[in-house]
Amino acid sequence: MALVTMKYEMSKAEKGRYAVPAFNFFTLDNLIGIAQGAANKKSPVIAMASVGAMKIMGEHTTVRMCEGVASDFGIDMILHLDHCTDYDMICRAVDNGFTSVMIDASKLSYEENVELTARVVEYASKYGVSVEAELGHVGGKEDDIVVSEREALFTVPEDALRFVNDTGVDALAVAVGTVHGFYKSEPKLDFPRIEKIHELLPHMPLVLHGGTGVPDDDFRKAIAGGVRKINIGTELKVHGVFDVSKQGYAQPGDDPRSVSKLVIAKCASIVEEKIDVMGSANKAG
């Protein structure tokens, strides 16, 4: 199997009315756990590399690593560059073989967001690479983009329609009440807003960022309303990698190989749980 585009998987998700889970990774163990969970559930999966992770792993290494893991586990995987503000970095990712990229110009004015996003779409589309963009502000912290919960601005449905028409993006991240990182209180998603955006853009895959800590029932409601990609980052990083590694290395006589096995197993378990909620099991191929 191989790396595929997000546009390909999103079109299937829209027809089947499910969401494709997207997980951040920053180590090989982390990535293998994601692939193992997807393979066990026969689900499509999106492996997301953040800008911070890319500065460590590098574009070329990341692509080759994902190609190898997808082949070893016999799955179709989308390799996605997450929350990038740098046009040149996005171009390098496209050149090296990423199949999906996100340009995050949400902190800019509407006009500047459109201009930069349209440039990315123009470049990426030459190579068949999918483009995600963001309109509105998702609260919390994501690499170098910081927006406090109080200042977070929800996506205006009519602006979303105009933005998609102005840019030609393949997927749209919307601000509807989620935040990046762990929640300080139970999240309150604006489901009518999701439904309205989907009503205006019935064929545009909507993306929900800040999936860690969102109740399963809220995921299901968001998917019913039109969300087709849900990002999970913090949960996998903290519970799938940090906690397990700390516990593993605390055991006398343990070595990195045994800790790697624990990380892979825990990440796979988290991935499988999310796949069941998002309805993407048995949707691969």
Protein backbone atom coordinates (compact mmCIF):
# COMPACT_ATOMS: atom_id res chain seq x y z
CA MET A 1 0.00 0.00 0.00
CA ALA A 2 1.09 3.63 -0.21
CA LEU A 3 0.70 7.28 0.70
CA VAL A 4 -2.55 8.74 -0.65
CA THR A 5 -4.07 12.22 -0.74
CA MET A 6 -6.49 13.61 1.80
CA LYS A 7 -8.86 14.61 -1.00
CA TYR A 8 -9.18 10.94 -2.00
CA GLU A 9 -10.06 9.79 1.53
CA MET A 10 -12.28 12.80 2.28
CA SER A 11 -14.47 12.11 -0.75
CA LYS A 12 -15.09 8.58 0.54
CA ALA A 13 -15.74 9.87 4.05
CA GLU A 14 -18.33 12.34 2.77
CA LYS A 15 -20.20 9.59 0.95
CA GLY A 16 -20.03 7.29 3.97
CA ARG A 17 -20.71 10.06 6.52
CA TYR A 18 -17.79 9.20 8.78
CA ALA A 19 -14.59 11.00 9.80
CA VAL A 20 -11.00 10.02 9.07
CA PRO A 21 -8.88 10.26 12.22
CA ALA A 22 -5.69 12.33 12.10
CA PHE A 23 -2.89 11.75 14.61
CA ASN A 24 0.27 13.73 15.27
CA PHE A 25 3.53 11.76 15.37
CA PHE A 26 7.11 12.71 16.17
CA THR A 27 8.92 9.37 16.61
CA LEU A 28 9.05 6.12 14.68
CA ASP A 29 7.46 4.23 17.59
CA ASN A 30 4.64 6.76 17.64
CA LEU A 31 4.12 6.34 13.88
CA ILE A 32 4.21 2.54 14.00
CA GLY A 33 1.55 2.59 16.74
CA ILE A 34 -0.69 4.74 14.54
CA ALA A 35 -0.22 2.37 11.60
CA GLN A 36 -0.80 -0.70 13.77
CA GLY A 37 -4.09 0.66 15.09
CA ALA A 38 -5.28 1.59 11.60
CA ALA A 39 -4.30 -1.81 10.21
CA ASN A 40 -6.07 -3.63 13.05
CA LYS A 41 -9.28 -1.72 12.32
CA LYS A 42 -8.86 -1.64 8.52
CA SER A 43 -9.26 2.13 8.67
CA PRO A 44 -7.84 4.97 6.62
CA VAL A 45 -5.57 7.19 8.70
CA ILE A 46 -3.87 10.56 8.53
CA ALA A 47 -0.36 10.81 9.99
CA MET A 48 0.36 14.46 10.85
CA ALA A 49 3.81 15.98 11.23
CA SER A 50 3.86 19.33 13.00
CA VAL A 51 6.26 22.12 12.11
CA GLY A 52 8.18 21.46 15.32
CA ALA A 53 8.51 17.77 14.51
CA MET A 54 9.61 18.55 10.97
CA LYS A 55 12.47 20.70 12.24
CA ILE A 56 13.79 17.58 13.96
CA MET A 57 12.92 14.83 11.45
CA GLY A 58 13.29 16.68 8.15
CA GLU A 59 10.98 16.47 5.13
CA HIS A 60 12.81 13.73 3.23
CA THR A 61 13.26 11.40 6.21
CA THR A 62 9.64 11.82 7.28
CA VAL A 63 8.31 10.88 3.84
CA ARG A 64 10.54 7.82 3.48
CA MET A 65 9.64 6.69 7.01
CA CYS A 66 5.90 6.95 6.33
CA GLU A 67 6.21 5.20 2.97
CA GLY A 68 8.01 2.31 4.66
CA VAL A 69 5.54 2.01 7.53
CA ALA A 70 2.51 2.19 5.22
CA SER A 71 4.02 -0.56 3.08
CA ASP A 72 4.96 -2.76 6.04
CA PHE A 73 1.44 -2.58 7.51
CA GLY A 74 -0.37 -2.77 4.17
CA ILE A 75 -2.35 0.43 4.69
CA ASP A 76 -3.11 3.58 2.75
CA MET A 77 -1.81 6.52 4.78
CA ILE A 78 -2.13 10.25 4.27
CA LEU A 79 1.03 12.14 5.22
CA HIS A 80 -0.04 15.62 6.32
CA LEU A 81 1.99 18.69 7.27
CA ASP A 82 0.05 20.26 10.13
CA HIS A 83 -0.38 23.96 10.98
CA CYS A 84 2.35 25.42 8.78
CA THR A 85 2.65 29.17 8.29
CA ASP A 86 5.73 29.05 6.06
CA TYR A 87 5.09 28.93 2.30
CA ASP A 88 8.63 27.74 1.53
CA MET A 89 8.41 24.90 4.03
CA ILE A 90 5.12 23.79 2.50
CA CYS A 91 6.71 23.78 -0.95
CA ARG A 92 9.58 21.64 0.34
CA ALA A 93 7.10 19.21 1.89
CA VAL A 94 5.24 18.95 -1.42
CA ASP A 95 8.49 18.49 -3.33
CA ASN A 96 9.60 15.70 -1.00
CA GLY A 97 6.38 13.68 -1.21
CA PHE A 98 3.88 14.82 1.40
CA THR A 99 0.37 14.07 0.12
CA SER A 100 -1.41 16.75 2.16
CA VAL A 101 -0.44 20.11 3.67
CA MET A 102 -2.09 22.67 5.91
CA ILE A 103 -1.44 26.34 5.44
CA ASP A 104 -2.48 28.13 8.62
CA ALA A 105 -2.86 31.83 7.87
CA SER A 106 -5.76 32.20 10.31
CA LYS A 107 -3.97 34.86 12.36
CA LEU A 108 -3.83 37.10 9.27
CA SER A 109 -6.61 39.26 7.88
CA TYR A 110 -9.19 37.58 5.65
CA GLU A 111 -7.59 39.05 2.52
CA GLU A 112 -4.06 37.97 3.53
CA ASN A 113 -5.33 34.51 4.48
CA VAL A 114 -6.94 34.14 1.05
CA GLU A 115 -3.84 35.37 -0.78
CA LEU A 116 -1.41 33.02 0.98
CA THR A 117 -3.79 30.03 0.91
CA ALA A 118 -4.45 30.49 -2.81
CA ARG A 119 -0.69 30.52 -3.47
CA VAL A 120 -0.31 27.22 -1.61
CA VAL A 121 -3.26 25.68 -3.50
CA GLU A 122 -1.75 26.79 -6.82
CA TYR A 123 1.60 25.15 -6.00
CA ALA A 124 0.32 21.98 -4.34
CA SER A 125 -2.33 21.27 -6.99
CA LYS A 126 0.38 20.92 -9.64
CA TYR A 127 1.51 17.78 -7.81
CA GLY A 128 -1.93 16.50 -6.80
CA VAL A 129 -1.31 17.35 -3.13
CA SER A 130 -4.34 18.19 -0.95
CA VAL A 131 -4.53 21.50 0.91
CA GLU A 132 -6.24 22.24 4.23
CA ALA A 133 -6.66 25.79 5.51
CA GLU A 134 -8.17 27.38 8.61
CA LEU A 135 -10.74 30.16 8.93
CA GLY A 136 -11.44 31.53 12.37
CA HIS A 137 -9.23 30.77 15.37
CA VAL A 138 -9.04 27.49 17.29
CA GLY A 139 -8.04 28.29 20.88
CA GLY A 140 -4.94 27.06 22.68
CA LYS A 141 -1.40 26.63 21.39
CA GLU A 142 -0.15 24.94 18.22
CA ASP A 143 3.58 25.38 17.67
CA ASP A 144 4.12 29.14 17.12
CA ILE A 145 0.41 30.03 16.81
CA VAL A 146 -1.05 31.06 20.16
CA VAL A 147 -4.65 32.12 20.67
CA SER A 148 -6.21 32.35 24.13
CA GLU A 149 -9.58 30.74 24.66
CA ARG A 150 -11.20 34.13 25.31
CA GLU A 151 -9.87 35.62 22.08
CA ALA A 152 -10.73 32.63 19.90
CA LEU A 153 -13.04 33.62 17.06
CA PHE A 154 -15.53 31.14 15.67
CA THR A 155 -15.85 30.60 11.94
CA VAL A 156 -18.63 32.61 10.31
CA PRO A 157 -20.54 30.27 7.93
CA GLU A 158 -20.96 32.86 5.16
CA ASP A 159 -17.26 33.71 5.36
CA ALA A 160 -16.45 30.01 5.04
CA LEU A 161 -18.38 29.81 1.78
CA ARG A 162 -16.60 32.87 0.42
CA PHE A 163 -13.19 31.61 1.59
CA VAL A 164 -13.55 28.22 -0.11
CA ASN A 165 -14.66 29.88 -3.35
CA ASP A 166 -11.77 32.34 -3.15
CA THR A 167 -9.05 29.76 -2.47
CA GLY A 168 -10.05 26.36 -3.86
CA VAL A 169 -8.95 24.43 -0.74
CA ASP A 170 -9.66 20.72 -0.34
CA ALA A 171 -10.56 20.82 3.38
CA LEU A 172 -11.47 23.56 5.84
CA ALA A 173 -10.57 23.67 9.53
CA VAL A 174 -13.32 25.46 11.42
CA ALA A 175 -13.35 27.12 14.84
CA VAL A 176 -16.47 25.87 16.62
CA GLY A 177 -15.49 25.59 20.28
CA THR A 178 -12.52 23.23 20.48
CA VAL A 179 -9.02 24.16 21.69
CA HIS A 180 -5.58 22.65 21.23
CA GLY A 181 -4.19 20.74 24.21
CA PHE A 182 -6.03 19.56 27.31
CA TYR A 183 -9.31 21.25 28.23
CA LYS A 184 -9.62 23.24 31.46
CA SER A 185 -13.37 22.57 31.42
CA GLU A 186 -15.68 20.45 29.27
CA PRO A 187 -15.68 21.76 25.71
CA LYS A 188 -18.86 23.27 24.32
CA LEU A 189 -19.07 22.72 20.58
CA ASP A 190 -21.32 24.89 18.45
CA PHE A 191 -23.16 22.15 16.55
CA PRO A 192 -25.62 24.49 14.77
CA ARG A 193 -22.61 26.38 13.40
CA ILE A 194 -21.08 23.16 12.06
CA GLU A 195 -24.38 22.22 10.43
CA LYS A 196 -24.77 25.67 8.87
CA ILE A 197 -21.27 25.60 7.38
CA HIS A 198 -21.92 22.12 6.02
CA GLU A 199 -25.23 23.26 4.60
CA LEU A 200 -23.50 26.07 2.69
CA LEU A 201 -20.58 23.81 1.70
CA PRO A 202 -22.10 20.32 1.39
CA HIS A 203 -19.12 18.84 -0.46
CA MET A 204 -16.34 20.51 1.53
CA PRO A 205 -14.75 18.29 4.21
CA LEU A 206 -14.78 20.13 7.53
CA VAL A 207 -11.91 19.60 9.97
CA LEU A 208 -12.14 19.63 13.75
CA HIS A 209 -8.92 20.56 15.52
CA GLY A 210 -8.33 20.08 19.24
CA GLY A 211 -9.87 16.61 19.49
CA THR A 212 -8.14 15.58 22.73
CA GLY A 213 -10.68 15.52 25.54
CA VAL A 214 -13.79 15.95 23.41
CA PRO A 215 -16.53 13.51 24.57
CA ASP A 216 -17.31 10.67 22.16
CA ASP A 217 -20.92 11.77 21.77
CA ASP A 218 -19.75 15.23 20.72
CA PHE A 219 -17.52 13.65 18.09
CA ARG A 220 -20.51 11.72 16.75
CA LYS A 221 -22.68 14.86 16.63
CA ALA A 222 -19.94 16.78 14.84
CA ILE A 223 -19.55 14.01 12.28
CA ALA A 224 -23.31 13.91 11.73
CA GLY A 225 -23.11 17.65 11.14
CA GLY A 226 -20.45 17.38 8.44
CA VAL A 227 -17.00 17.01 10.06
CA ARG A 228 -14.85 14.59 8.07
CA LYS A 229 -11.38 14.91 9.68
CA ILE A 230 -10.68 15.05 13.41
CA ASN A 231 -7.23 15.85 14.80
CA ILE A 232 -5.84 14.07 17.86
CA GLY A 233 -2.43 15.21 19.05
CA THR A 234 -2.02 15.84 22.76
CA GLU A 235 -3.65 12.60 23.91
CA LEU A 236 -1.33 10.46 21.81
CA LYS A 237 1.73 12.50 22.79
CA VAL A 238 1.07 12.51 26.53
CA HIS A 239 -0.74 9.23 27.20
CA GLY A 240 0.64 7.24 24.27
CA VAL A 241 4.29 8.30 24.44
CA PHE A 242 5.32 10.33 27.51
CA ASP A 243 3.44 8.43 30.23
CA VAL A 244 4.27 4.99 28.85
CA SER A 245 7.95 5.84 28.29
CA LYS A 246 8.31 7.21 31.81
CA GLN A 247 6.76 4.10 33.31
CA GLY A 248 8.81 1.81 31.09
CA TYR A 249 12.17 3.38 31.89
CA ALA A 250 11.33 3.31 35.60
CA GLN A 251 11.33 -0.50 35.51
CA PRO A 252 14.70 -2.05 36.47
CA GLY A 253 16.41 -3.82 33.58
CA ASP A 254 14.19 -2.39 30.85
CA ASP A 255 15.86 -1.21 27.66
CA PRO A 256 14.72 1.03 24.81
CA ARG A 257 13.39 -1.89 22.78
CA SER A 258 10.92 -2.96 25.45
CA VAL A 259 9.83 0.65 25.98
CA SER A 260 9.31 1.00 22.22
CA LYS A 261 6.97 -1.97 22.30
CA LEU A 262 4.96 -0.38 25.11
CA VAL A 263 4.67 2.92 23.20
CA ILE A 264 3.58 1.17 20.01
CA ALA A 265 0.94 -0.88 21.85
CA LYS A 266 -0.47 2.12 23.74
CA CYS A 267 -0.58 4.36 20.66
CA ALA A 268 -2.29 1.58 18.69
CA SER A 269 -4.88 1.18 21.46
CA ILE A 270 -5.71 4.90 21.48
CA VAL A 271 -5.95 4.94 17.68
CA GLU A 272 -8.32 1.97 17.64
CA GLU A 273 -10.59 3.63 20.21
CA LYS A 274 -10.82 6.81 18.11
CA ILE A 275 -11.45 4.86 14.93
CA ASP A 276 -14.44 3.14 16.53
CA VAL A 277 -15.91 6.52 17.52
CA MET A 278 -15.31 8.12 14.14
CA GLY A 279 -16.88 5.29 12.18
CA SER A 280 -13.91 4.70 9.87
CA ALA A 281 -13.33 1.03 10.71
CA ASN A 282 -13.40 -1.25 7.66
CA LYS A 283 -13.37 1.79 5.33
CA ALA A 284 -9.80 1.29 4.07
CA GLY A 285 -9.16 0.44 0.43
